[in-house]
Amino acid sequence: MAAILREPVCRERVRTIPRGFSWVDHRLVREHYIERCSHLALALYLFLVTVADAEGLSWWSERSLAERLGADADRIRQARAELQAADLVAYERPVWQLLPLKGGA
């Protein structure tokens, strides 16, 4: 069996973690969180991961999120309920909080 090449395909575009807080925990896949949510809920989660501050907080309104994600406010609320049921976010208007996955990093 040949060794796997561990070199970047595009060397001039190697990703670095930015100073801001914007990353996705691999356990979302390994521990099956991703399978508990609809595509819209996952899109909402990714959006929140991208815009949240270092403490995982965001103040985006449901209306603004709906516009950005191409959904109506009711579907955003449903997606939020899925994320809350999966224990991925907490929400108390107007604050969204990304929660650390249980069990540490």
PDB file of N, CA and C in Angstrom:
ATOM      1  N   MET A   1       0.830  -1.173   0.000  1.00  0.00           N
ATOM      2  CA  MET A   1       0.000   0.000   0.000  1.00  0.00           C
ATOM      3  C   MET A   1       0.882   1.247   0.000  1.00  0.00           C
ATOM      4  N   ALA A   2       0.588   2.172  -0.887  1.00  0.00           N
ATOM      5  CA  ALA A   2       1.376   3.401  -1.011  1.00  0.00           C
ATOM      6  C   ALA A   2       1.087   4.343   0.157  1.00  0.00           C
ATOM      7  N   ALA A   3       2.089   5.084   0.543  1.00  0.00           N
ATOM      8  CA  ALA A   3       1.928   6.069   1.613  1.00  0.00           C
ATOM      9  C   ALA A   3       1.062   7.226   1.119  1.00  0.00           C
ATOM     10  N   ILE A   4       0.281   7.769   2.004  1.00  0.00           N
ATOM     11  CA  ILE A   4      -0.568   8.908   1.664  1.00  0.00           C
ATOM     12  C   ILE A   4       0.284  10.169   1.643  1.00  0.00           C
ATOM     13  N   LEU A   5       0.203  10.896   0.557  1.00  0.00           N
ATOM     14  CA  LEU A   5       0.921  12.153   0.430  1.00  0.00           C
ATOM     15  C   LEU A   5       0.274  13.182   1.345  1.00  0.00           C
ATOM     16  N   ARG A   6       1.034  13.759   2.235  1.00  0.00           N
ATOM     17  CA  ARG A   6       0.500  14.723   3.202  1.00  0.00           C
ATOM     18  C   ARG A   6       1.004  16.125   2.897  1.00  0.00           C
ATOM     19  N   GLU A   7       0.894  16.498   1.666  1.00  0.00           N
ATOM     20  CA  GLU A   7       1.309  17.831   1.241  1.00  0.00           C
ATOM     21  C   GLU A   7       0.084  18.554   0.704  1.00  0.00           C
ATOM     22  N   PRO A   8       0.028  19.864   0.868  1.00  0.00           N
ATOM     23  CA  PRO A   8      -1.115  20.605   0.334  1.00  0.00           C
ATOM     24  C   PRO A   8      -1.150  20.551  -1.190  1.00  0.00           C
ATOM     25  N   VAL A   9      -2.334  20.532  -1.718  1.00  0.00           N
ATOM     26  CA  VAL A   9      -2.521  20.554  -3.167  1.00  0.00           C
ATOM     27  C   VAL A   9      -2.164  21.935  -3.701  1.00  0.00           C
ATOM     28  N   CYS A  10      -2.591  22.944  -2.993  1.00  0.00           N
ATOM     29  CA  CYS A  10      -2.366  24.326  -3.400  1.00  0.00           C
ATOM     30  C   CYS A  10      -1.510  24.995  -2.316  1.00  0.00           C
ATOM     31  N   ARG A  11      -0.201  24.890  -2.448  1.00  0.00           N
ATOM     32  CA  ARG A  11       0.723  25.358  -1.408  1.00  0.00           C
ATOM     33  C   ARG A  11       0.598  26.846  -1.094  1.00  0.00           C
ATOM     34  N   GLU A  12       0.228  27.645  -2.084  1.00  0.00           N
ATOM     35  CA  GLU A  12       0.140  29.091  -1.846  1.00  0.00           C
ATOM     36  C   GLU A  12      -1.135  29.492  -1.099  1.00  0.00           C
ATOM     37  N   ARG A  13      -1.992  28.506  -0.821  1.00  0.00           N
ATOM     38  CA  ARG A  13      -3.236  28.823  -0.118  1.00  0.00           C
ATOM     39  C   ARG A  13      -3.438  27.916   1.088  1.00  0.00           C
ATOM     40  N   VAL A  14      -2.412  27.636   1.833  1.00  0.00           N
ATOM     41  CA  VAL A  14      -2.514  26.802   3.023  1.00  0.00           C
ATOM     42  C   VAL A  14      -3.286  27.580   4.088  1.00  0.00           C
ATOM     43  N   ARG A  15      -4.300  26.956   4.617  1.00  0.00           N
ATOM     44  CA  ARG A  15      -5.159  27.617   5.600  1.00  0.00           C
ATOM     45  C   ARG A  15      -4.462  27.760   6.937  1.00  0.00           C
ATOM     46  N   THR A  16      -4.640  28.905   7.551  1.00  0.00           N
ATOM     47  CA  THR A  16      -4.184  29.130   8.919  1.00  0.00           C
ATOM     48  C   THR A  16      -5.398  29.536   9.729  1.00  0.00           C
ATOM     49  N   ILE A  17      -5.364  29.266  10.993  1.00  0.00           N
ATOM     50  CA  ILE A  17      -6.474  29.648  11.845  1.00  0.00           C
ATOM     51  C   ILE A  17      -6.370  31.140  12.110  1.00  0.00           C
ATOM     52  N   PRO A  18      -7.428  31.894  11.776  1.00  0.00           N
ATOM     53  CA  PRO A  18      -7.371  33.342  11.968  1.00  0.00           C
ATOM     54  C   PRO A  18      -7.380  33.721  13.443  1.00  0.00           C
ATOM     55  N   ARG A  19      -7.012  34.953  13.708  1.00  0.00           N
ATOM     56  CA  ARG A  19      -7.003  35.442  15.087  1.00  0.00           C
ATOM     57  C   ARG A  19      -8.395  35.414  15.683  1.00  0.00           C
ATOM     58  N   GLY A  20      -9.415  35.649  14.864  1.00  0.00           N
ATOM     59  CA  GLY A  20     -10.793  35.614  15.345  1.00  0.00           C
ATOM     60  C   GLY A  20     -11.215  34.187  15.657  1.00  0.00           C
ATOM     61  N   PHE A  21     -12.352  34.036  16.287  1.00  0.00           N
ATOM     62  CA  PHE A  21     -12.874  32.729  16.666  1.00  0.00           C
ATOM     63  C   PHE A  21     -13.738  32.206  15.538  1.00  0.00           C
ATOM     64  N   SER A  22     -13.209  31.287  14.754  1.00  0.00           N
ATOM     65  CA  SER A  22     -13.988  30.722  13.664  1.00  0.00           C
ATOM     66  C   SER A  22     -13.437  29.349  13.311  1.00  0.00           C
ATOM     67  N   TRP A  23     -13.972  28.328  13.956  1.00  0.00           N
ATOM     68  CA  TRP A  23     -13.543  26.972  13.683  1.00  0.00           C
ATOM     69  C   TRP A  23     -14.715  26.036  13.895  1.00  0.00           C
ATOM     70  N   VAL A  24     -14.594  24.833  13.378  1.00  0.00           N
ATOM     71  CA  VAL A  24     -15.643  23.832  13.515  1.00  0.00           C
ATOM     72  C   VAL A  24     -15.032  22.577  14.133  1.00  0.00           C
ATOM     73  N   ASP A  25     -15.615  22.104  15.203  1.00  0.00           N
ATOM     74  CA  ASP A  25     -15.139  20.937  15.935  1.00  0.00           C
ATOM     75  C   ASP A  25     -15.399  19.656  15.128  1.00  0.00           C
ATOM     76  N   HIS A  26     -14.384  18.851  14.932  1.00  0.00           N
ATOM     77  CA  HIS A  26     -14.515  17.607  14.164  1.00  0.00           C
ATOM     78  C   HIS A  26     -15.501  16.635  14.786  1.00  0.00           C
ATOM     79  N   ARG A  27     -15.751  16.786  16.079  1.00  0.00           N
ATOM     80  CA  ARG A  27     -16.682  15.876  16.740  1.00  0.00           C
ATOM     81  C   ARG A  27     -18.105  16.032  16.232  1.00  0.00           C
ATOM     82  N   LEU A  28     -18.386  17.128  15.533  1.00  0.00           N
ATOM     83  CA  LEU A  28     -19.707  17.264  14.912  1.00  0.00           C
ATOM     84  C   LEU A  28     -19.991  16.078  13.999  1.00  0.00           C
ATOM     85  N   VAL A  29     -18.969  15.595  13.328  1.00  0.00           N
ATOM     86  CA  VAL A  29     -19.102  14.430  12.442  1.00  0.00           C
ATOM     87  C   VAL A  29     -18.865  13.139  13.223  1.00  0.00           C
ATOM     88  N   ARG A  30     -17.756  13.070  13.931  1.00  0.00           N
ATOM     89  CA  ARG A  30     -17.385  11.820  14.626  1.00  0.00           C
ATOM     90  C   ARG A  30     -18.437  11.359  15.629  1.00  0.00           C
ATOM     91  N   GLU A  31     -19.072  12.314  16.304  1.00  0.00           N
ATOM     92  CA  GLU A  31     -20.053  11.961  17.327  1.00  0.00           C
ATOM     93  C   GLU A  31     -21.489  12.133  16.835  1.00  0.00           C
ATOM     94  N   HIS A  32     -21.653  12.238  15.536  1.00  0.00           N
ATOM     95  CA  HIS A  32     -22.963  12.193  14.856  1.00  0.00           C
ATOM     96  C   HIS A  32     -23.898  13.370  15.143  1.00  0.00           C
ATOM     97  N   TYR A  33     -23.386  14.494  15.623  1.00  0.00           N
ATOM     98  CA  TYR A  33     -24.228  15.680  15.789  1.00  0.00           C
ATOM     99  C   TYR A  33     -24.819  16.095  14.447  1.00  0.00           C
ATOM    100  N   ILE A  34     -24.007  16.011  13.408  1.00  0.00           N
ATOM    101  CA  ILE A  34     -24.398  16.482  12.083  1.00  0.00           C
ATOM    102  C   ILE A  34     -25.618  15.730  11.545  1.00  0.00           C
ATOM    103  N   GLU A  35     -25.794  14.501  11.984  1.00  0.00           N
ATOM    104  CA  GLU A  35     -26.913  13.684  11.523  1.00  0.00           C
ATOM    105  C   GLU A  35     -28.219  14.026  12.234  1.00  0.00           C
ATOM    106  N   ARG A  36     -28.155  14.814  13.274  1.00  0.00           N
ATOM    107  CA  ARG A  36     -29.351  15.171  14.049  1.00  0.00           C
ATOM    108  C   ARG A  36     -30.046  16.420  13.531  1.00  0.00           C
ATOM    109  N   CYS A  37     -29.449  17.068  12.528  1.00  0.00           N
ATOM    110  CA  CYS A  37     -29.951  18.375  12.101  1.00  0.00           C
ATOM    111  C   CYS A  37     -30.212  18.411  10.598  1.00  0.00           C
ATOM    112  N   SER A  38     -31.176  19.239  10.222  1.00  0.00           N
ATOM    113  CA  SER A  38     -31.484  19.452   8.810  1.00  0.00           C
ATOM    114  C   SER A  38     -30.379  20.282   8.160  1.00  0.00           C
ATOM    115  N   HIS A  39     -30.445  20.347   6.835  1.00  0.00           N
ATOM    116  CA  HIS A  39     -29.467  21.160   6.106  1.00  0.00           C
ATOM    117  C   HIS A  39     -29.544  22.628   6.528  1.00  0.00           C
ATOM    118  N   LEU A  40     -30.751  23.136   6.716  1.00  0.00           N
ATOM    119  CA  LEU A  40     -30.881  24.539   7.126  1.00  0.00           C
ATOM    120  C   LEU A  40     -30.292  24.754   8.520  1.00  0.00           C
ATOM    121  N   ALA A  41     -30.526  23.832   9.436  1.00  0.00           N
ATOM    122  CA  ALA A  41     -29.968  23.969  10.783  1.00  0.00           C
ATOM    123  C   ALA A  41     -28.439  23.964  10.725  1.00  0.00           C
ATOM    124  N   LEU A  42     -27.881  23.114   9.884  1.00  0.00           N
ATOM    125  CA  LEU A  42     -26.422  23.071   9.753  1.00  0.00           C
ATOM    126  C   LEU A  42     -25.883  24.334   9.093  1.00  0.00           C
ATOM    127  N   ALA A  43     -26.622  24.872   8.112  1.00  0.00           N
ATOM    128  CA  ALA A  43     -26.213  26.131   7.490  1.00  0.00           C
ATOM    129  C   ALA A  43     -26.256  27.254   8.520  1.00  0.00           C
ATOM    130  N   LEU A  44     -27.288  27.265   9.346  1.00  0.00           N
ATOM    131  CA  LEU A  44     -27.388  28.264  10.407  1.00  0.00           C
ATOM    132  C   LEU A  44     -26.228  28.120  11.385  1.00  0.00           C
ATOM    133  N   TYR A  45     -25.905  26.908  11.766  1.00  0.00           N
ATOM    134  CA  TYR A  45     -24.786  26.674  12.682  1.00  0.00           C
ATOM    135  C   TYR A  45     -23.475  27.178  12.082  1.00  0.00           C
ATOM    136  N   LEU A  46     -23.222  26.842  10.836  1.00  0.00           N
ATOM    137  CA  LEU A  46     -21.992  27.297  10.179  1.00  0.00           C
ATOM    138  C   LEU A  46     -21.944  28.818  10.105  1.00  0.00           C
ATOM    139  N   PHE A  47     -23.068  29.442   9.791  1.00  0.00           N
ATOM    140  CA  PHE A  47     -23.117  30.898   9.751  1.00  0.00           C
ATOM    141  C   PHE A  47     -22.768  31.465  11.125  1.00  0.00           C
ATOM    142  N   LEU A  48     -23.378  30.906  12.174  1.00  0.00           N
ATOM    143  CA  LEU A  48     -23.119  31.403  13.527  1.00  0.00           C
ATOM    144  C   LEU A  48     -21.671  31.174  13.943  1.00  0.00           C
ATOM    145  N   VAL A  49     -21.089  30.040  13.573  1.00  0.00           N
ATOM    146  CA  VAL A  49     -19.675  29.778  13.873  1.00  0.00           C
ATOM    147  C   VAL A  49     -18.807  30.850  13.220  1.00  0.00           C
ATOM    148  N   THR A  50     -19.186  31.241  12.018  1.00  0.00           N
ATOM    149  CA  THR A  50     -18.395  32.210  11.260  1.00  0.00           C
ATOM    150  C   THR A  50     -18.487  33.615  11.843  1.00  0.00           C
ATOM    151  N   VAL A  51     -19.660  34.009  12.325  1.00  0.00           N
ATOM    152  CA  VAL A  51     -19.848  35.390  12.780  1.00  0.00           C
ATOM    153  C   VAL A  51     -19.713  35.574  14.291  1.00  0.00           C
ATOM    154  N   ALA A  52     -19.643  34.488  15.052  1.00  0.00           N
ATOM    155  CA  ALA A  52     -19.596  34.602  16.511  1.00  0.00           C
ATOM    156  C   ALA A  52     -18.270  35.186  16.987  1.00  0.00           C
ATOM    157  N   ASP A  53     -18.320  35.801  18.151  1.00  0.00           N
ATOM    158  CA  ASP A  53     -17.091  36.330  18.739  1.00  0.00           C
ATOM    159  C   ASP A  53     -16.312  35.203  19.425  1.00  0.00           C
ATOM    160  N   ALA A  54     -15.238  35.541  20.118  1.00  0.00           N
ATOM    161  CA  ALA A  54     -14.365  34.551  20.741  1.00  0.00           C
ATOM    162  C   ALA A  54     -15.068  33.727  21.820  1.00  0.00           C
ATOM    163  N   GLU A  55     -16.161  34.246  22.369  1.00  0.00           N
ATOM    164  CA  GLU A  55     -16.920  33.501  23.373  1.00  0.00           C
ATOM    165  C   GLU A  55     -18.084  32.730  22.749  1.00  0.00           C
ATOM    166  N   GLY A  56     -18.184  32.756  21.428  1.00  0.00           N
ATOM    167  CA  GLY A  56     -19.253  32.035  20.742  1.00  0.00           C
ATOM    168  C   GLY A  56     -20.577  32.779  20.733  1.00  0.00           C
ATOM    169  N   LEU A  57     -20.541  34.092  20.913  1.00  0.00           N
ATOM    170  CA  LEU A  57     -21.763  34.886  20.967  1.00  0.00           C
ATOM    171  C   LEU A  57     -22.005  35.643  19.667  1.00  0.00           C
ATOM    172  N   SER A  58     -23.286  35.761  19.320  1.00  0.00           N
ATOM    173  CA  SER A  58     -23.688  36.519  18.139  1.00  0.00           C
ATOM    174  C   SER A  58     -25.014  37.200  18.425  1.00  0.00           C
ATOM    175  N   TRP A  59     -25.212  38.328  17.767  1.00  0.00           N
ATOM    176  CA  TRP A  59     -26.428  39.103  17.975  1.00  0.00           C
ATOM    177  C   TRP A  59     -27.231  39.272  16.686  1.00  0.00           C
ATOM    178  N   TRP A  60     -27.064  38.372  15.727  1.00  0.00           N
ATOM    179  CA  TRP A  60     -27.800  38.471  14.474  1.00  0.00           C
ATOM    180  C   TRP A  60     -29.280  38.209  14.723  1.00  0.00           C
ATOM    181  N   SER A  61     -30.142  39.024  14.128  1.00  0.00           N
ATOM    182  CA  SER A  61     -31.589  38.842  14.288  1.00  0.00           C
ATOM    183  C   SER A  61     -32.081  37.696  13.415  1.00  0.00           C
ATOM    184  N   GLU A  62     -33.217  37.119  13.804  1.00  0.00           N
ATOM    185  CA  GLU A  62     -33.814  36.056  12.992  1.00  0.00           C
ATOM    186  C   GLU A  62     -34.084  36.553  11.573  1.00  0.00           C
ATOM    187  N   ARG A  63     -34.553  37.793  11.458  1.00  0.00           N
ATOM    188  CA  ARG A  63     -34.857  38.353  10.134  1.00  0.00           C
ATOM    189  C   ARG A  63     -33.603  38.431   9.264  1.00  0.00           C
ATOM    190  N   SER A  64     -32.509  38.921   9.838  1.00  0.00           N
ATOM    191  CA  SER A  64     -31.261  39.020   9.080  1.00  0.00           C
ATOM    192  C   SER A  64     -30.723  37.641   8.711  1.00  0.00           C
ATOM    193  N   LEU A  65     -30.808  36.699   9.638  1.00  0.00           N
ATOM    194  CA  LEU A  65     -30.370  35.337   9.343  1.00  0.00           C
ATOM    195  C   LEU A  65     -31.211  34.718   8.242  1.00  0.00           C
ATOM    196  N   ALA A  66     -32.525  34.941   8.306  1.00  0.00           N
ATOM    197  CA  ALA A  66     -33.421  34.406   7.286  1.00  0.00           C
ATOM    198  C   ALA A  66     -33.062  34.957   5.906  1.00  0.00           C
ATOM    199  N   GLU A  67     -32.789  36.249   5.842  1.00  0.00           N
ATOM    200  CA  GLU A  67     -32.403  36.867   4.567  1.00  0.00           C
ATOM    201  C   GLU A  67     -31.108  36.267   4.041  1.00  0.00           C
ATOM    202  N   ARG A  68     -30.108  36.138   4.896  1.00  0.00           N
ATOM    203  CA  ARG A  68     -28.800  35.620   4.474  1.00  0.00           C
ATOM    204  C   ARG A  68     -28.864  34.153   4.043  1.00  0.00           C
ATOM    205  N   LEU A  69     -29.739  33.380   4.719  1.00  0.00           N
ATOM    206  CA  LEU A  69     -29.799  31.946   4.451  1.00  0.00           C
ATOM    207  C   LEU A  69     -30.931  31.560   3.497  1.00  0.00           C
ATOM    208  N   GLY A  70     -31.670  32.548   3.007  1.00  0.00           N
ATOM    209  CA  GLY A  70     -32.728  32.272   2.031  1.00  0.00           C
ATOM    210  C   GLY A  70     -33.882  31.472   2.603  1.00  0.00           C
ATOM    211  N   ALA A  71     -34.268  31.776   3.815  1.00  0.00           N
ATOM    212  CA  ALA A  71     -35.359  31.066   4.483  1.00  0.00           C
ATOM    213  C   ALA A  71     -36.267  32.092   5.145  1.00  0.00           C
ATOM    214  N   ASP A  72     -37.464  31.661   5.542  1.00  0.00           N
ATOM    215  CA  ASP A  72     -38.322  32.585   6.287  1.00  0.00           C
ATOM    216  C   ASP A  72     -38.046  32.426   7.781  1.00  0.00           C
ATOM    217  N   ALA A  73     -38.551  33.364   8.568  1.00  0.00           N
ATOM    218  CA  ALA A  73     -38.263  33.386  10.008  1.00  0.00           C
ATOM    219  C   ALA A  73     -38.756  32.122  10.705  1.00  0.00           C
ATOM    220  N   ASP A  74     -39.883  31.569  10.272  1.00  0.00           N
ATOM    221  CA  ASP A  74     -40.386  30.338  10.885  1.00  0.00           C
ATOM    222  C   ASP A  74     -39.407  29.184  10.695  1.00  0.00           C
ATOM    223  N   ARG A  75     -38.819  29.087   9.513  1.00  0.00           N
ATOM    224  CA  ARG A  75     -37.846  28.016   9.258  1.00  0.00           C
ATOM    225  C   ARG A  75     -36.571  28.238  10.068  1.00  0.00           C
ATOM    226  N   ILE A  76     -36.192  29.507  10.273  1.00  0.00           N
ATOM    227  CA  ILE A  76     -35.026  29.796  11.119  1.00  0.00           C
ATOM    228  C   ILE A  76     -35.319  29.371  12.552  1.00  0.00           C
ATOM    229  N   ARG A  77     -36.523  29.639  13.033  1.00  0.00           N
ATOM    230  CA  ARG A  77     -36.890  29.225  14.396  1.00  0.00           C
ATOM    231  C   ARG A  77     -36.871  27.696  14.521  1.00  0.00           C
ATOM    232  N   GLN A  78     -37.345  27.002  13.487  1.00  0.00           N
ATOM    233  CA  GLN A  78     -37.317  25.539  13.486  1.00  0.00           C
ATOM    234  C   GLN A  78     -35.870  25.036  13.496  1.00  0.00           C
ATOM    235  N   ALA A  79     -35.017  25.657  12.694  1.00  0.00           N
ATOM    236  CA  ALA A  79     -33.601  25.283  12.654  1.00  0.00           C
ATOM    237  C   ALA A  79     -32.956  25.540  14.016  1.00  0.00           C
ATOM    238  N   ARG A  80     -33.306  26.662  14.642  1.00  0.00           N
ATOM    239  CA  ARG A  80     -32.776  26.964  15.975  1.00  0.00           C
ATOM    240  C   ARG A  80     -33.195  25.890  16.965  1.00  0.00           C
ATOM    241  N   ALA A  81     -34.458  25.456  16.901  1.00  0.00           N
ATOM    242  CA  ALA A  81     -34.943  24.404  17.802  1.00  0.00           C
ATOM    243  C   ALA A  81     -34.155  23.103  17.610  1.00  0.00           C
ATOM    244  N   GLU A  82     -33.808  22.780  16.374  1.00  0.00           N
ATOM    245  CA  GLU A  82     -33.002  21.587  16.101  1.00  0.00           C
ATOM    246  C   GLU A  82     -31.618  21.719  16.727  1.00  0.00           C
ATOM    247  N   LEU A  83     -31.009  22.888  16.575  1.00  0.00           N
ATOM    248  CA  LEU A  83     -29.679  23.114  17.144  1.00  0.00           C
ATOM    249  C   LEU A  83     -29.717  23.087  18.669  1.00  0.00           C
ATOM    250  N   GLN A  84     -30.790  23.612  19.243  1.00  0.00           N
ATOM    251  CA  GLN A  84     -30.931  23.566  20.695  1.00  0.00           C
ATOM    252  C   GLN A  84     -31.135  22.120  21.161  1.00  0.00           C
ATOM    253  N   ALA A  85     -31.948  21.353  20.446  1.00  0.00           N
ATOM    254  CA  ALA A  85     -32.191  19.953  20.809  1.00  0.00           C
ATOM    255  C   ALA A  85     -30.904  19.129  20.708  1.00  0.00           C
ATOM    256  N   ALA A  86     -30.047  19.479  19.762  1.00  0.00           N
ATOM    257  CA  ALA A  86     -28.756  18.790  19.603  1.00  0.00           C
ATOM    258  C   ALA A  86     -27.710  19.330  20.583  1.00  0.00           C
ATOM    259  N   ASP A  87     -28.086  20.319  21.399  1.00  0.00           N
ATOM    260  CA  ASP A  87     -27.207  20.932  22.397  1.00  0.00           C
ATOM    261  C   ASP A  87     -26.017  21.636  21.758  1.00  0.00           C
ATOM    262  N   LEU A  88     -26.272  22.282  20.608  1.00  0.00           N
ATOM    263  CA  LEU A  88     -25.217  23.005  19.902  1.00  0.00           C
ATOM    264  C   LEU A  88     -25.286  24.507  20.131  1.00  0.00           C
ATOM    265  N   VAL A  89     -26.477  25.034  20.395  1.00  0.00           N
ATOM    266  CA  VAL A  89     -26.620  26.469  20.651  1.00  0.00           C
ATOM    267  C   VAL A  89     -27.582  26.706  21.805  1.00  0.00           C
ATOM    268  N   ALA A  90     -27.417  27.874  22.405  1.00  0.00           N
ATOM    269  CA  ALA A  90     -28.383  28.399  23.358  1.00  0.00           C
ATOM    270  C   ALA A  90     -28.855  29.720  22.760  1.00  0.00           C
ATOM    271  N   TYR A  91     -30.081  30.088  23.058  1.00  0.00           N
ATOM    272  CA  TYR A  91     -30.616  31.326  22.498  1.00  0.00           C
ATOM    273  C   TYR A  91     -31.512  31.996  23.524  1.00  0.00           C
ATOM    274  N   GLU A  92     -31.242  33.258  23.733  1.00  0.00           N
ATOM    275  CA  GLU A  92     -32.117  34.111  24.521  1.00  0.00           C
ATOM    276  C   GLU A  92     -32.095  35.454  23.829  1.00  0.00           C
ATOM    277  N   ARG A  93     -33.183  35.756  23.152  1.00  0.00           N
ATOM    278  CA  ARG A  93     -33.238  36.941  22.310  1.00  0.00           C
ATOM    279  C   ARG A  93     -32.638  38.145  22.994  1.00  0.00           C
ATOM    280  N   PRO A  94     -31.720  38.798  22.363  1.00  0.00           N
ATOM    281  CA  PRO A  94     -31.237  38.690  20.998  1.00  0.00           C
ATOM    282  C   PRO A  94     -29.923  37.906  20.860  1.00  0.00           C
ATOM    283  N   VAL A  95     -29.522  37.164  21.897  1.00  0.00           N
ATOM    284  CA  VAL A  95     -28.190  36.561  21.917  1.00  0.00           C
ATOM    285  C   VAL A  95     -28.224  35.080  21.542  1.00  0.00           C
ATOM    286  N   TRP A  96     -27.404  34.734  20.556  1.00  0.00           N
ATOM    287  CA  TRP A  96     -27.126  33.344  20.198  1.00  0.00           C
ATOM    288  C   TRP A  96     -25.821  32.975  20.880  1.00  0.00           C
ATOM    289  N   GLN A  97     -25.733  31.770  21.434  1.00  0.00           N
ATOM    290  CA  GLN A  97     -24.483  31.300  22.011  1.00  0.00           C
ATOM    291  C   GLN A  97     -24.172  29.916  21.461  1.00  0.00           C
ATOM    292  N   LEU A  98     -23.006  29.791  20.837  1.00  0.00           N
ATOM    293  CA  LEU A  98     -22.520  28.479  20.409  1.00  0.00           C
ATOM    294  C   LEU A  98     -22.017  27.766  21.649  1.00  0.00           C
ATOM    295  N   LEU A  99     -22.445  26.541  21.847  1.00  0.00           N
ATOM    296  CA  LEU A  99     -22.060  25.789  23.026  1.00  0.00           C
ATOM    297  C   LEU A  99     -20.910  24.843  22.698  1.00  0.00           C
ATOM    298  N   PRO A 100     -19.978  24.680  23.628  1.00  0.00           N
ATOM    299  CA  PRO A 100     -18.943  23.669  23.392  1.00  0.00           C
ATOM    300  C   PRO A 100     -19.598  22.290  23.396  1.00  0.00           C
ATOM    301  N   LEU A 101     -19.065  21.397  22.581  1.00  0.00           N
ATOM    302  CA  LEU A 101     -19.599  20.045  22.580  1.00  0.00           C
ATOM    303  C   LEU A 101     -19.265  19.384  23.902  1.00  0.00           C
ATOM    304  N   LYS A 102     -20.164  18.566  24.394  1.00  0.00           N
ATOM    305  CA  LYS A 102     -19.946  17.915  25.694  1.00  0.00           C
ATOM    306  C   LYS A 102     -18.719  17.018  25.647  1.00  0.00           C
ATOM    307  N   GLY A 103     -17.989  16.985  26.730  1.00  0.00           N
ATOM    308  CA  GLY A 103     -16.836  16.115  26.826  1.00  0.00           C
ATOM    309  C   GLY A 103     -15.518  16.795  26.521  1.00  0.00           C
ATOM    310  N   GLY A 104     -15.507  18.109  26.340  1.00  0.00           N
ATOM    311  CA  GLY A 104     -14.254  18.820  26.088  1.00  0.00           C
ATOM    312  C   GLY A 104     -13.853  18.779  24.649  1.00  0.00           C
ATOM    313  N   ALA A 105     -12.658  19.270  24.358  1.00  0.00           N
ATOM    314  CA  ALA A 105     -12.199  19.393  22.973  1.00  0.00           C
ATOM    315  C   ALA A 105     -11.549  18.155  22.457  1.00  0.00           C
TER     316      ALA A 105
END
